[in-house]
Amino acid sequence: MTNSPARILITGASGCVGQYTASWLLKNSDAELLLWLRDPSKLTAIAADHPRVHLLVGDLRESNRFASELATVNRVIHTATAWGDPERAQQVNVVAVKQMLNLLDPNKLQQVVYFSTASILDRHLQPLPEALAYGTEYIQTKAQCLQELERHPLAERIVAVFPTLVFGGRVDGTSSFPTSYLTEGLAEASKWLWLARFLRADASFHFIHAADIAAICGALATRPHVLNRTPGQGAIRRIVMGQKAISVNEAVATLCRWRGVARTPGIPLWAWLIEGLIRILPIEVNAWDRFSIRQRHFIHDPVTQPEAFGLTSHGPNLEAVLQDSGLPRRGKA
């Protein structure tokens, strides 16, 4: 007797990461996909009438509407999130997550891939106290939810994934996949290279392409679940998704080469200079912004790429990401 195909629920299925993930699973598995989304018209990269696709149209806060469907799933990839309005962020990012988990059948459920953000973790993948203390409503609710999920009865079946900066789609909107906010901002950022080329900043970060997030999530969802054995962590397995760290100076230099902008000897952006500019210029800076300015290096160890699962990265470096984004190249190859 053969096993029936897995039933995988993807929340936030019309988003950039959600659609890349659904597409990966349709191409690389025989799983049936339950796509939870609010607006089916935004599903641009996935055929809504695909025989293995079932749409759940509604808000994450209305999980009781889909109680019967949720009770049938084996795996969950929870990408849905909210920001901007503090009350909505609390309801979607914390309350609705636990309500959804309560409707899953523990006898059928094998794994939950829960999306958080790398911003709430320190270099060693431990929760940042500052995330709860100073974070925006998005950061605070993500930190709170992770803290509460560690005590959830299903904690051992949860893999928390922490994306770093996410690229995806194309700047000109010609991709069938939605454009991520970071990719969308490349064109605007290019307009400021005339100024950025004069500046130097002691800061670094990771990034990852949504296609590589999809590959990691797809590998997790189609392979046996692995319990967390990392010392010093809780029951939930933690995976920070990102390519090798890149400095801000490297990133600006790469963009300058790509756009054909000559780089000049630079002026270091010292902490006191940044603080002075904030005081002089009409810039609104909240407590989390100030913490981020002091932190400067948002790097983690370990970080995970598709190669950890025997796969190949779609965007292994910034040049590959820029090529994929469709940002016009004006510099020499």
Protein backbone atom coordinates (compact mmCIF):
# COMPACT_ATOMS: atom_id res chain seq x y z
CA MET A 1 0.00 0.00 0.00
CA THR A 2 1.44 3.39 -1.01
CA ASN A 3 1.25 6.43 1.22
CA SER A 4 -1.12 9.18 0.10
CA PRO A 5 0.47 12.55 -0.83
CA ALA A 6 1.14 14.96 2.01
CA ARG A 7 -1.28 17.83 2.58
CA ILE A 8 0.69 21.03 3.12
CA LEU A 9 -0.90 24.27 4.30
CA ILE A 10 0.77 27.52 3.23
CA THR A 11 -0.46 30.70 4.88
CA GLY A 12 0.22 34.08 3.29
CA ALA A 13 0.16 32.15 0.03
CA SER A 14 -0.29 35.18 -2.22
CA GLY A 15 2.84 36.89 -0.89
CA CYS A 16 6.28 36.84 -2.44
CA VAL A 17 7.69 34.02 -0.29
CA GLY A 18 4.38 32.16 -0.25
CA GLN A 19 4.19 31.95 -4.05
CA TYR A 20 7.83 30.97 -4.49
CA THR A 21 7.29 28.22 -1.92
CA ALA A 22 4.07 26.92 -3.49
CA SER A 23 5.75 26.89 -6.90
CA TRP A 24 8.72 24.90 -5.54
CA LEU A 25 6.44 22.32 -3.96
CA LEU A 26 4.36 21.91 -7.13
CA LYS A 27 7.54 21.28 -9.13
CA ASN A 28 9.42 19.13 -6.62
CA SER A 29 6.79 17.12 -4.76
CA ASP A 30 3.44 15.40 -5.20
CA ALA A 31 1.95 17.17 -2.16
CA GLU A 32 -1.53 18.64 -2.14
CA LEU A 33 -1.36 22.33 -1.28
CA LEU A 34 -3.87 24.26 0.78
CA LEU A 35 -3.17 27.91 0.03
CA TRP A 36 -4.56 30.30 2.62
CA LEU A 37 -4.85 33.83 1.28
CA ARG A 38 -7.11 36.85 1.44
CA ASP A 39 -7.21 37.88 -2.23
CA PRO A 40 -7.06 35.15 -4.91
CA SER A 41 -6.46 37.78 -7.62
CA LYS A 42 -2.95 38.26 -6.18
CA LEU A 43 -2.04 34.64 -6.89
CA THR A 44 0.00 35.37 -10.03
CA ALA A 45 2.63 32.61 -10.16
CA ILE A 46 0.37 29.67 -9.26
CA ALA A 47 -2.64 28.40 -11.23
CA ALA A 48 -5.60 28.54 -8.85
CA ASP A 49 -7.22 25.68 -10.75
CA HIS A 50 -4.20 23.38 -10.48
CA PRO A 51 -5.49 19.91 -9.49
CA ARG A 52 -3.21 19.83 -6.43
CA VAL A 53 -4.12 23.33 -5.24
CA HIS A 54 -7.01 24.13 -2.89
CA LEU A 55 -7.68 27.75 -1.93
CA LEU A 56 -8.72 28.85 1.55
CA VAL A 57 -9.88 32.43 1.04
CA GLY A 58 -10.07 34.41 4.26
CA ASP A 59 -8.25 36.27 6.99
CA LEU A 60 -5.87 34.41 9.31
CA ARG A 61 -8.00 35.65 12.20
CA GLU A 62 -10.92 33.59 10.83
CA SER A 63 -9.30 30.18 11.31
CA ASN A 64 -12.50 28.58 12.66
CA ARG A 65 -13.97 28.88 9.16
CA PHE A 66 -11.42 26.33 7.97
CA ALA A 67 -11.40 24.00 10.98
CA SER A 68 -12.24 20.91 8.92
CA GLU A 69 -9.49 21.62 6.37
CA LEU A 70 -6.88 22.42 9.01
CA ALA A 71 -7.56 19.12 10.75
CA THR A 72 -6.40 17.25 7.62
CA VAL A 73 -2.94 18.78 7.09
CA ASN A 74 0.38 17.04 7.71
CA ARG A 75 2.62 20.04 7.32
CA VAL A 76 2.25 23.80 7.73
CA ILE A 77 4.40 26.57 6.23
CA HIS A 78 3.26 29.70 8.02
CA THR A 79 4.44 32.81 6.17
CA ALA A 80 1.50 35.14 6.87
CA THR A 81 2.27 38.22 8.94
CA ALA A 82 1.10 41.77 9.66
CA TRP A 83 2.72 45.07 10.53
CA GLY A 84 1.82 48.74 10.75
CA ASP A 85 -1.19 48.65 13.04
CA PRO A 86 -0.22 47.45 16.56
CA GLU A 87 -3.58 45.81 17.32
CA ARG A 88 -3.71 43.95 14.01
CA ALA A 89 -0.08 42.87 14.41
CA GLN A 90 -0.86 41.41 17.84
CA GLN A 91 -3.94 39.58 16.57
CA VAL A 92 -2.30 38.18 13.41
CA ASN A 93 1.27 37.58 14.60
CA VAL A 94 0.47 36.09 18.01
CA VAL A 95 -3.18 35.29 18.72
CA ALA A 96 -4.11 33.88 15.29
CA VAL A 97 -0.97 31.70 15.17
CA LYS A 98 -1.93 29.91 18.37
CA GLN A 99 -5.55 29.61 17.27
CA MET A 100 -4.42 27.98 14.03
CA LEU A 101 -2.14 25.53 15.86
CA ASN A 102 -5.02 24.53 18.13
CA LEU A 103 -7.06 23.47 15.10
CA LEU A 104 -4.39 21.10 13.74
CA ASP A 105 -4.75 17.38 14.43
CA PRO A 106 -1.71 16.24 16.47
CA ASN A 107 -2.23 12.70 15.16
CA LYS A 108 -1.70 13.86 11.58
CA LEU A 109 0.57 16.86 11.97
CA GLN A 110 4.26 16.19 11.36
CA GLN A 111 5.78 19.66 11.18
CA VAL A 112 5.16 23.40 11.28
CA VAL A 113 7.58 25.76 9.55
CA TYR A 114 6.97 29.05 11.33
CA PHE A 115 8.27 32.28 9.79
CA SER A 116 9.79 34.84 12.11
CA THR A 117 12.51 37.41 11.35
CA ALA A 118 16.27 37.31 11.90
CA SER A 119 16.01 40.78 13.46
CA ILE A 120 14.87 39.27 16.78
CA LEU A 121 17.98 37.07 17.17
CA ASP A 122 21.53 37.88 18.19
CA ARG A 123 24.68 36.63 16.47
CA HIS A 124 24.37 33.21 18.14
CA LEU A 125 20.65 32.74 17.34
CA GLN A 126 19.54 33.66 20.85
CA PRO A 127 16.54 36.00 21.32
CA LEU A 128 17.50 39.66 21.52
CA PRO A 129 16.09 41.27 24.69
CA GLU A 130 15.99 44.56 22.79
CA ALA A 131 13.46 43.12 20.33
CA LEU A 132 10.80 42.99 23.03
CA ALA A 133 11.96 46.21 24.69
CA TYR A 134 12.42 48.54 21.71
CA GLY A 135 11.05 46.74 18.65
CA THR A 136 8.37 47.99 16.31
CA GLU A 137 4.97 46.31 16.61
CA TYR A 138 6.16 43.76 14.02
CA ILE A 139 9.43 43.00 15.82
CA GLN A 140 7.81 42.84 19.26
CA THR A 141 5.02 40.51 18.20
CA LYS A 142 7.46 38.17 16.42
CA ALA A 143 9.63 38.06 19.55
CA GLN A 144 6.60 37.47 21.75
CA CYS A 145 5.23 34.70 19.54
CA LEU A 146 8.54 32.80 19.47
CA GLN A 147 8.72 33.04 23.25
CA GLU A 148 5.20 31.67 23.64
CA LEU A 149 5.61 28.94 21.02
CA GLU A 150 8.56 27.51 22.94
CA ARG A 151 6.00 26.54 25.61
CA HIS A 152 3.41 25.21 23.15
CA PRO A 153 2.52 21.48 23.21
CA LEU A 154 3.58 21.25 19.54
CA ALA A 155 6.94 22.99 20.11
CA GLU A 156 9.02 19.93 19.18
CA ARG A 157 7.33 19.82 15.76
CA ILE A 158 8.02 23.49 15.01
CA VAL A 159 10.91 24.73 12.89
CA ALA A 160 11.26 28.50 13.25
CA VAL A 161 12.85 30.06 10.18
CA PHE A 162 14.33 33.54 10.35
CA PRO A 163 14.78 35.19 6.94
CA THR A 164 17.36 37.94 6.66
CA LEU A 165 16.86 40.64 3.98
CA VAL A 166 14.66 39.17 1.24
CA PHE A 167 15.00 39.75 -2.51
CA GLY A 168 12.44 38.40 -4.99
CA GLY A 169 10.53 39.23 -8.15
CA ARG A 170 11.72 41.95 -10.54
CA VAL A 171 11.98 45.74 -10.29
CA ASP A 172 9.95 46.20 -13.49
CA GLY A 173 7.15 43.93 -12.27
CA THR A 174 7.50 41.54 -15.22
CA SER A 175 8.00 38.46 -13.04
CA SER A 176 5.00 36.26 -12.35
CA PHE A 177 6.13 36.33 -8.71
CA PRO A 178 5.38 39.35 -6.50
CA THR A 179 8.25 41.78 -6.02
CA SER A 180 9.70 41.89 -2.51
CA TYR A 181 10.01 45.23 -0.76
CA LEU A 182 13.81 45.00 -0.92
CA THR A 183 13.91 44.32 -4.67
CA GLU A 184 11.30 47.05 -5.19
CA GLY A 185 13.64 49.47 -3.43
CA LEU A 186 16.64 48.78 -5.67
CA ALA A 187 15.60 51.34 -8.27
CA GLU A 188 15.14 54.04 -5.63
CA ALA A 189 18.42 53.11 -3.94
CA SER A 190 20.22 53.47 -7.28
CA LYS A 191 19.16 57.13 -7.43
CA TRP A 192 21.22 57.79 -4.29
CA LEU A 193 24.46 56.15 -5.42
CA TRP A 194 25.82 59.58 -6.38
CA LEU A 195 25.87 60.32 -2.64
CA ALA A 196 26.47 56.82 -1.23
CA ARG A 197 29.68 56.45 -3.27
CA PHE A 198 31.29 59.11 -1.04
CA LEU A 199 30.35 57.38 2.24
CA ARG A 200 31.75 54.43 4.19
CA ALA A 201 29.88 52.56 6.93
CA ASP A 202 31.05 49.96 9.42
CA ALA A 203 28.06 47.63 9.11
CA SER A 204 27.18 44.26 7.60
CA PHE A 205 24.19 42.05 6.92
CA HIS A 206 22.91 38.86 5.30
CA PHE A 207 20.41 38.59 2.46
CA ILE A 208 18.55 35.77 0.74
CA HIS A 209 16.45 35.35 -2.38
CA ALA A 210 12.86 34.21 -1.97
CA ALA A 211 13.57 31.29 -4.33
CA ASP A 212 16.19 30.07 -1.85
CA ILE A 213 13.79 30.49 1.06
CA ALA A 214 11.35 28.35 -0.92
CA ALA A 215 13.99 25.69 -1.51
CA ILE A 216 14.84 25.49 2.20
CA CYS A 217 11.18 25.36 3.22
CA GLY A 218 10.44 22.83 0.52
CA ALA A 219 13.27 20.61 1.70
CA LEU A 220 12.03 20.85 5.28
CA ALA A 221 8.43 20.07 4.29
CA THR A 222 9.27 17.06 2.12
CA ARG A 223 11.78 15.33 4.39
CA PRO A 224 11.41 13.68 7.80
CA HIS A 225 11.11 16.20 10.61
CA VAL A 226 14.28 16.63 12.69
CA LEU A 227 14.07 17.53 16.38
CA ASN A 228 16.16 20.39 17.70
CA ARG A 229 19.35 19.10 19.30
CA THR A 230 21.20 22.42 19.55
CA PRO A 231 22.46 23.04 23.11
CA GLY A 232 21.22 26.23 24.75
CA GLN A 233 18.03 26.43 22.70
CA GLY A 234 14.48 25.33 23.41
CA ALA A 235 12.40 22.66 21.72
CA ILE A 236 11.95 24.71 18.53
CA ARG A 237 14.60 24.25 15.85
CA ARG A 238 16.00 27.60 14.65
CA ILE A 239 17.19 28.25 11.10
CA VAL A 240 18.44 31.67 10.01
CA MET A 241 18.16 31.84 6.22
CA GLY A 242 20.80 33.94 4.52
CA GLN A 243 23.85 34.01 2.30
CA LYS A 244 27.32 34.82 3.60
CA ALA A 245 27.44 38.22 5.30
CA ILE A 246 28.28 41.22 3.16
CA SER A 247 29.41 44.63 4.39
CA VAL A 248 27.46 47.76 3.54
CA ASN A 249 30.58 49.06 1.78
CA GLU A 250 30.75 45.91 -0.38
CA ALA A 251 27.05 46.21 -1.20
CA VAL A 252 27.40 49.87 -2.25
CA ALA A 253 30.51 49.07 -4.30
CA THR A 254 28.66 46.25 -6.09
CA LEU A 255 25.70 48.51 -6.85
CA CYS A 256 28.04 51.23 -8.12
CA ARG A 257 29.78 48.78 -10.47
CA TRP A 258 26.40 47.48 -11.65
CA ARG A 259 25.09 50.95 -12.40
CA GLY A 260 28.34 52.35 -13.77
CA VAL A 261 28.81 54.88 -10.98
CA ALA A 262 32.43 55.75 -10.17
CA ARG A 263 33.31 55.23 -6.50
CA THR A 264 35.55 57.75 -4.76
CA PRO A 265 37.57 57.85 -1.51
CA GLY A 266 34.95 57.86 1.18
CA ILE A 267 33.95 59.65 4.36
CA PRO A 268 33.49 57.32 7.35
CA LEU A 269 30.04 57.49 8.91
CA TRP A 270 31.12 57.58 12.56
CA ALA A 271 28.51 57.07 15.25
CA TRP A 272 28.76 60.69 16.42
CA LEU A 273 28.31 61.91 12.84
CA ILE A 274 25.18 59.80 12.36
CA GLU A 275 23.80 61.08 15.67
CA GLY A 276 24.53 64.65 14.59
CA LEU A 277 22.78 64.19 11.26
CA ILE A 278 19.72 62.78 13.03
CA ARG A 279 19.58 65.84 15.26
CA ILE A 280 20.04 68.31 12.41
CA LEU A 281 17.94 66.73 9.66
CA PRO A 282 14.17 66.22 9.83
CA ILE A 283 14.54 62.46 10.37
CA GLU A 284 12.20 60.52 12.65
CA VAL A 285 14.08 57.83 14.55
CA ASN A 286 12.41 55.44 16.98
CA ALA A 287 14.01 53.35 19.73
CA TRP A 288 14.45 50.31 17.44
CA ASP A 289 16.12 52.49 14.78
CA ARG A 290 18.58 53.77 17.37
CA PHE A 291 19.33 50.24 18.54
CA SER A 292 19.91 49.14 14.93
CA ILE A 293 22.28 52.06 14.34
CA ARG A 294 24.28 51.05 17.42
CA GLN A 295 24.16 47.35 16.53
CA ARG A 296 25.42 47.91 12.95
CA HIS A 297 26.37 44.28 12.27
CA PHE A 298 23.26 42.14 11.83
CA ILE A 299 25.07 38.88 11.29
CA HIS A 300 24.39 35.36 12.53
CA ASP A 301 26.23 32.09 12.97
CA PRO A 302 25.19 29.72 11.61
CA VAL A 303 23.26 30.92 8.59
CA THR A 304 21.63 28.41 6.26
CA GLN A 305 21.50 28.26 2.46
CA PRO A 306 19.91 25.62 0.18
CA GLU A 307 23.30 23.92 -0.04
CA ALA A 308 22.76 22.65 3.53
CA PHE A 309 20.03 20.43 2.02
CA GLY A 310 22.00 19.35 -1.04
CA LEU A 311 20.41 22.04 -3.23
CA THR A 312 21.82 24.99 -5.18
CA SER A 313 21.26 28.66 -4.33
CA HIS A 314 19.35 30.75 -6.85
CA GLY A 315 20.93 33.96 -5.55
CA PRO A 316 24.31 33.05 -4.01
CA ASN A 317 25.72 36.59 -4.22
CA LEU A 318 24.58 40.16 -4.76
CA GLU A 319 25.54 40.16 -8.46
CA ALA A 320 23.29 37.15 -9.09
CA VAL A 321 20.45 38.85 -7.20
CA LEU A 322 20.84 42.07 -9.21
CA GLN A 323 20.85 40.11 -12.46
CA ASP A 324 17.69 38.28 -11.42
CA SER A 325 16.00 41.52 -10.30
CA GLY A 326 16.07 43.07 -13.76
CA LEU A 327 17.77 46.24 -12.49
CA PRO A 328 19.35 47.68 -15.66
CA ARG A 329 23.13 47.23 -15.81
CA ARG A 330 25.12 50.24 -16.96
CA GLY A 331 28.59 49.26 -15.79
CA LYS A 332 30.98 46.89 -17.54
CA ALA A 333 30.41 43.15 -16.98
